[in-house]
Amino acid sequence: MKNYFKGETVMEVQKKATNEIGVLSDIKILDRKLAIYAEQALECDRVIKDARAHKELCMEKLKESMGNHTIARVKNFNLSWGSISYKAQPEKIIPAKEAYIIRKKTIGIKKL
């Protein structure tokens, strides 16, 4: 037999490809009733995105109105726009880390 991939025969390459396809087809089909949760999660993401954009707009208006002042009052709200001071730090050499895998905290959802 002729070698095609770094000393591997055609049969070895085909066997590897078959094993990889087996891994890709390991998809669990969930109950249709659970689809509502995926839809609601996507809707929540949209609402959160809109709310963040609206909050950013509101904050910009308040910052613009405050100018250089640190504290302001509007109606029954006290506003404070402070600063954070960082001290100088010496140069650091970060040691190498071992490779590892952890599970993500969120589930990626895409509507089909």
N, C-alpha and C. Protein backbone atom coordinates (compact mmCIF):
# COMPACT_ATOMS: atom_id res chain seq x y z
N MET A 1 0.82 -1.19 0.00
CA MET A 1 0.00 0.00 0.00
C MET A 1 0.86 1.25 0.00
N LYS A 2 0.31 2.29 -0.58
CA LYS A 2 1.03 3.55 -0.70
C LYS A 2 0.77 4.40 0.55
N ASN A 3 1.81 5.09 1.05
CA ASN A 3 1.67 5.96 2.21
C ASN A 3 1.29 7.36 1.76
N TYR A 4 0.20 7.91 2.35
CA TYR A 4 -0.29 9.22 1.95
C TYR A 4 -0.02 10.31 2.99
N PHE A 5 -0.18 10.00 4.28
CA PHE A 5 -0.05 11.01 5.32
C PHE A 5 0.99 10.58 6.34
N LYS A 6 2.16 11.12 6.25
CA LYS A 6 3.22 10.92 7.24
C LYS A 6 3.31 9.47 7.72
N GLY A 7 3.46 8.55 6.80
CA GLY A 7 3.65 7.16 7.17
C GLY A 7 2.36 6.40 7.42
N GLU A 8 1.21 6.98 7.16
CA GLU A 8 -0.06 6.30 7.37
C GLU A 8 -0.57 5.76 6.04
N THR A 9 -1.18 4.59 6.09
CA THR A 9 -1.77 4.01 4.88
C THR A 9 -3.16 4.59 4.67
N VAL A 10 -3.72 4.34 3.51
CA VAL A 10 -5.06 4.83 3.18
C VAL A 10 -6.07 4.28 4.18
N MET A 11 -5.94 3.02 4.54
CA MET A 11 -6.89 2.40 5.47
C MET A 11 -6.82 3.06 6.84
N GLU A 12 -5.62 3.41 7.30
CA GLU A 12 -5.47 4.08 8.59
C GLU A 12 -6.11 5.45 8.57
N VAL A 13 -5.93 6.18 7.45
CA VAL A 13 -6.51 7.51 7.31
C VAL A 13 -8.03 7.41 7.29
N GLN A 14 -8.58 6.42 6.56
CA GLN A 14 -10.02 6.23 6.51
C GLN A 14 -10.58 5.87 7.88
N LYS A 15 -9.86 5.05 8.62
CA LYS A 15 -10.31 4.65 9.96
C LYS A 15 -10.36 5.86 10.89
N LYS A 16 -9.33 6.72 10.79
CA LYS A 16 -9.31 7.95 11.60
C LYS A 16 -10.50 8.83 11.25
N ALA A 17 -10.77 9.00 9.95
CA ALA A 17 -11.87 9.84 9.49
C ALA A 17 -13.20 9.29 10.00
N THR A 18 -13.36 7.97 9.98
CA THR A 18 -14.59 7.35 10.47
C THR A 18 -14.76 7.61 11.96
N ASN A 19 -13.69 7.52 12.73
CA ASN A 19 -13.75 7.78 14.16
C ASN A 19 -14.12 9.23 14.44
N GLU A 20 -13.58 10.18 13.65
CA GLU A 20 -13.89 11.59 13.84
C GLU A 20 -15.36 11.86 13.52
N ILE A 21 -15.90 11.23 12.49
CA ILE A 21 -17.31 11.40 12.15
C ILE A 21 -18.18 10.86 13.28
N GLY A 22 -17.77 9.75 13.89
CA GLY A 22 -18.52 9.19 15.02
C GLY A 22 -18.60 10.17 16.17
N VAL A 23 -17.53 10.90 16.44
CA VAL A 23 -17.52 11.89 17.51
C VAL A 23 -18.45 13.04 17.16
N LEU A 24 -18.44 13.51 15.90
CA LEU A 24 -19.28 14.62 15.49
C LEU A 24 -20.76 14.25 15.53
N SER A 25 -21.11 12.98 15.33
CA SER A 25 -22.51 12.59 15.30
C SER A 25 -23.04 12.25 16.69
N ASP A 26 -22.29 12.52 17.72
CA ASP A 26 -22.72 12.26 19.09
C ASP A 26 -23.55 13.43 19.60
N ILE A 27 -24.70 13.68 18.95
CA ILE A 27 -25.58 14.78 19.29
C ILE A 27 -26.82 14.22 19.96
N LYS A 28 -27.11 14.71 21.15
CA LYS A 28 -28.29 14.24 21.87
C LYS A 28 -29.51 15.04 21.42
N ILE A 29 -30.57 14.37 21.05
CA ILE A 29 -31.82 15.01 20.66
C ILE A 29 -32.67 15.14 21.92
N LEU A 30 -33.00 16.38 22.28
CA LEU A 30 -33.78 16.65 23.49
C LEU A 30 -35.27 16.69 23.18
N ASP A 31 -36.08 16.60 24.22
CA ASP A 31 -37.53 16.67 24.10
C ASP A 31 -37.95 18.01 23.52
N ARG A 32 -38.93 18.02 22.63
CA ARG A 32 -39.39 19.25 21.98
C ARG A 32 -39.91 20.27 22.97
N LYS A 33 -40.40 19.83 24.10
CA LYS A 33 -40.94 20.73 25.12
C LYS A 33 -39.86 21.68 25.66
N LEU A 34 -38.61 21.29 25.54
CA LEU A 34 -37.51 22.12 26.05
C LEU A 34 -37.16 23.27 25.11
N ALA A 35 -37.72 23.29 23.91
CA ALA A 35 -37.41 24.35 22.95
C ALA A 35 -37.81 25.72 23.48
N ILE A 36 -38.85 25.77 24.29
CA ILE A 36 -39.31 27.05 24.85
C ILE A 36 -38.20 27.69 25.68
N TYR A 37 -37.41 26.88 26.37
CA TYR A 37 -36.32 27.42 27.18
C TYR A 37 -35.23 28.02 26.31
N ALA A 38 -34.94 27.40 25.18
CA ALA A 38 -33.94 27.95 24.26
C ALA A 38 -34.44 29.27 23.68
N GLU A 39 -35.74 29.32 23.30
CA GLU A 39 -36.31 30.55 22.76
C GLU A 39 -36.28 31.67 23.80
N GLN A 40 -36.66 31.33 25.03
CA GLN A 40 -36.67 32.35 26.08
C GLN A 40 -35.27 32.84 26.40
N ALA A 41 -34.28 31.95 26.36
CA ALA A 41 -32.90 32.36 26.62
C ALA A 41 -32.43 33.35 25.55
N LEU A 42 -32.77 33.07 24.28
CA LEU A 42 -32.40 34.00 23.21
C LEU A 42 -33.12 35.33 23.37
N GLU A 43 -34.39 35.30 23.76
CA GLU A 43 -35.14 36.54 23.98
C GLU A 43 -34.53 37.34 25.13
N CYS A 44 -34.12 36.66 26.19
CA CYS A 44 -33.46 37.33 27.32
C CYS A 44 -32.17 38.01 26.86
N ASP A 45 -31.39 37.32 26.03
CA ASP A 45 -30.16 37.93 25.50
C ASP A 45 -30.47 39.21 24.75
N ARG A 46 -31.54 39.20 23.93
CA ARG A 46 -31.92 40.39 23.17
C ARG A 46 -32.34 41.52 24.11
N VAL A 47 -33.14 41.19 25.13
CA VAL A 47 -33.60 42.20 26.08
C VAL A 47 -32.42 42.78 26.86
N ILE A 48 -31.52 41.92 27.28
CA ILE A 48 -30.33 42.38 28.02
C ILE A 48 -29.49 43.31 27.15
N LYS A 49 -29.32 42.95 25.88
CA LYS A 49 -28.53 43.78 24.96
C LYS A 49 -29.16 45.16 24.81
N ASP A 50 -30.48 45.18 24.63
CA ASP A 50 -31.19 46.46 24.50
C ASP A 50 -31.09 47.27 25.79
N ALA A 51 -31.22 46.60 26.93
CA ALA A 51 -31.16 47.30 28.22
C ALA A 51 -29.77 47.87 28.46
N ARG A 52 -28.72 47.13 28.08
CA ARG A 52 -27.35 47.64 28.24
C ARG A 52 -27.12 48.87 27.38
N ALA A 53 -27.63 48.83 26.16
CA ALA A 53 -27.49 49.99 25.26
C ALA A 53 -28.22 51.19 25.83
N HIS A 54 -29.43 50.98 26.37
CA HIS A 54 -30.20 52.07 26.96
C HIS A 54 -29.50 52.62 28.20
N LYS A 55 -28.96 51.73 29.02
CA LYS A 55 -28.24 52.17 30.23
C LYS A 55 -27.03 53.01 29.84
N GLU A 56 -26.29 52.58 28.81
CA GLU A 56 -25.11 53.32 28.36
C GLU A 56 -25.50 54.73 27.89
N LEU A 57 -26.61 54.82 27.18
CA LEU A 57 -27.11 56.12 26.72
C LEU A 57 -27.45 57.02 27.92
N CYS A 58 -28.15 56.46 28.91
CA CYS A 58 -28.51 57.23 30.12
C CYS A 58 -27.25 57.69 30.87
N MET A 59 -26.28 56.80 31.00
CA MET A 59 -25.04 57.16 31.71
C MET A 59 -24.29 58.26 30.98
N GLU A 60 -24.24 58.21 29.66
CA GLU A 60 -23.56 59.25 28.88
C GLU A 60 -24.23 60.61 29.10
N LYS A 61 -25.56 60.62 29.12
CA LYS A 61 -26.29 61.88 29.36
C LYS A 61 -25.96 62.44 30.74
N LEU A 62 -25.93 61.57 31.75
CA LEU A 62 -25.61 62.02 33.11
C LEU A 62 -24.17 62.50 33.21
N LYS A 63 -23.23 61.77 32.61
CA LYS A 63 -21.81 62.17 32.64
C LYS A 63 -21.61 63.51 31.95
N GLU A 64 -22.27 63.68 30.82
CA GLU A 64 -22.17 64.93 30.08
C GLU A 64 -22.69 66.09 30.92
N SER A 65 -23.79 65.86 31.63
CA SER A 65 -24.37 66.90 32.48
C SER A 65 -23.52 67.20 33.70
N MET A 66 -22.83 66.19 34.24
CA MET A 66 -22.01 66.39 35.43
C MET A 66 -20.71 67.13 35.11
N GLY A 67 -20.22 67.00 33.91
CA GLY A 67 -18.97 67.67 33.55
C GLY A 67 -17.82 67.15 34.39
N ASN A 68 -17.09 68.07 35.06
CA ASN A 68 -15.94 67.68 35.89
C ASN A 68 -16.31 67.45 37.35
N HIS A 69 -17.58 67.57 37.69
CA HIS A 69 -18.00 67.39 39.08
C HIS A 69 -18.01 65.91 39.47
N THR A 70 -17.65 65.64 40.72
CA THR A 70 -17.61 64.28 41.22
C THR A 70 -18.97 63.87 41.79
N ILE A 71 -19.69 64.80 42.38
CA ILE A 71 -20.97 64.53 43.02
C ILE A 71 -22.03 65.47 42.44
N ALA A 72 -23.22 64.94 42.22
CA ALA A 72 -24.33 65.75 41.71
C ALA A 72 -25.64 65.24 42.31
N ARG A 73 -26.68 66.06 42.21
CA ARG A 73 -28.00 65.66 42.69
C ARG A 73 -29.02 66.00 41.61
N VAL A 74 -29.92 65.07 41.37
CA VAL A 74 -31.03 65.31 40.44
C VAL A 74 -32.28 64.72 41.09
N LYS A 75 -33.27 65.59 41.30
CA LYS A 75 -34.52 65.23 41.96
C LYS A 75 -34.20 64.51 43.27
N ASN A 76 -34.58 63.24 43.43
CA ASN A 76 -34.28 62.53 44.68
C ASN A 76 -33.17 61.48 44.49
N PHE A 77 -32.22 61.78 43.61
CA PHE A 77 -31.09 60.88 43.35
C PHE A 77 -29.78 61.61 43.63
N ASN A 78 -28.88 60.96 44.35
CA ASN A 78 -27.51 61.45 44.52
C ASN A 78 -26.62 60.69 43.54
N LEU A 79 -25.86 61.40 42.75
CA LEU A 79 -24.97 60.78 41.77
C LEU A 79 -23.52 61.00 42.19
N SER A 80 -22.71 59.98 42.08
CA SER A 80 -21.28 60.14 42.32
C SER A 80 -20.52 59.48 41.19
N TRP A 81 -19.54 60.22 40.66
CA TRP A 81 -18.74 59.74 39.53
C TRP A 81 -17.29 59.87 39.94
N GLY A 82 -16.81 58.85 40.64
CA GLY A 82 -15.47 58.88 41.21
C GLY A 82 -14.40 58.47 40.22
N SER A 83 -13.20 58.37 40.76
CA SER A 83 -12.03 57.97 39.97
C SER A 83 -11.33 56.82 40.68
N ILE A 84 -10.59 56.05 39.94
CA ILE A 84 -9.79 54.96 40.50
C ILE A 84 -8.33 55.30 40.26
N SER A 85 -7.53 55.28 41.33
CA SER A 85 -6.09 55.55 41.22
C SER A 85 -5.32 54.24 41.30
N TYR A 86 -4.43 54.05 40.37
CA TYR A 86 -3.60 52.85 40.34
C TYR A 86 -2.16 53.22 40.66
N LYS A 87 -1.55 52.46 41.55
CA LYS A 87 -0.14 52.68 41.89
C LYS A 87 0.74 52.03 40.82
N ALA A 88 1.94 52.57 40.69
CA ALA A 88 2.89 51.96 39.78
C ALA A 88 3.27 50.59 40.30
N GLN A 89 3.47 49.64 39.41
CA GLN A 89 3.82 48.28 39.81
C GLN A 89 5.08 47.84 39.10
N PRO A 90 5.87 47.03 39.79
CA PRO A 90 7.10 46.54 39.15
C PRO A 90 6.76 45.54 38.03
N GLU A 91 7.69 45.38 37.11
CA GLU A 91 7.52 44.44 36.02
C GLU A 91 7.46 43.02 36.59
N LYS A 92 6.55 42.23 36.06
CA LYS A 92 6.39 40.86 36.55
C LYS A 92 6.64 39.87 35.42
N ILE A 93 7.22 38.76 35.78
CA ILE A 93 7.40 37.67 34.84
C ILE A 93 6.42 36.58 35.24
N ILE A 94 5.49 36.27 34.38
CA ILE A 94 4.44 35.31 34.68
C ILE A 94 4.91 33.91 34.31
N PRO A 95 4.85 32.97 35.26
CA PRO A 95 5.29 31.60 34.96
C PRO A 95 4.34 30.90 33.99
N ALA A 96 4.84 29.90 33.33
CA ALA A 96 4.05 29.14 32.38
C ALA A 96 2.96 28.36 33.11
N LYS A 97 1.87 28.07 32.41
CA LYS A 97 0.77 27.30 32.98
C LYS A 97 0.60 26.03 32.16
N GLU A 98 0.18 24.98 32.85
CA GLU A 98 -0.12 23.72 32.18
C GLU A 98 -1.43 23.86 31.40
N ALA A 99 -1.57 23.11 30.34
CA ALA A 99 -2.81 23.13 29.56
C ALA A 99 -3.91 22.39 30.32
N TYR A 100 -5.13 22.90 30.23
CA TYR A 100 -6.27 22.23 30.86
C TYR A 100 -7.56 22.63 30.16
N ILE A 101 -8.60 21.85 30.40
CA ILE A 101 -9.90 22.10 29.78
C ILE A 101 -10.93 22.19 30.89
N ILE A 102 -11.80 23.22 30.79
CA ILE A 102 -12.91 23.34 31.72
C ILE A 102 -14.19 23.51 30.91
N ARG A 103 -15.31 23.19 31.51
CA ARG A 103 -16.60 23.31 30.83
C ARG A 103 -17.06 24.75 30.87
N LYS A 104 -17.65 25.24 29.79
CA LYS A 104 -18.15 26.61 29.74
C LYS A 104 -19.30 26.78 30.73
N LYS A 105 -19.50 28.01 31.19
CA LYS A 105 -20.57 28.29 32.15
C LYS A 105 -21.92 28.49 31.47
N THR A 106 -21.91 28.83 30.18
CA THR A 106 -23.15 29.07 29.47
C THR A 106 -23.27 28.15 28.26
N ILE A 107 -24.49 27.99 27.80
CA ILE A 107 -24.77 27.16 26.63
C ILE A 107 -24.97 28.09 25.45
N GLY A 108 -24.28 27.84 24.35
CA GLY A 108 -24.47 28.63 23.13
C GLY A 108 -25.76 28.20 22.44
N ILE A 109 -26.61 29.14 22.06
CA ILE A 109 -27.89 28.82 21.43
C ILE A 109 -28.00 29.61 20.13
N LYS A 110 -28.34 28.91 19.05
CA LYS A 110 -28.60 29.55 17.76
C LYS A 110 -29.91 29.01 17.22
N LYS A 111 -30.78 29.90 16.80
CA LYS A 111 -32.07 29.48 16.23
C LYS A 111 -31.84 28.95 14.83
N LEU A 112 -32.42 27.81 14.51
CA LEU A 112 -32.26 27.19 13.21
C LEU A 112 -33.27 27.71 12.22
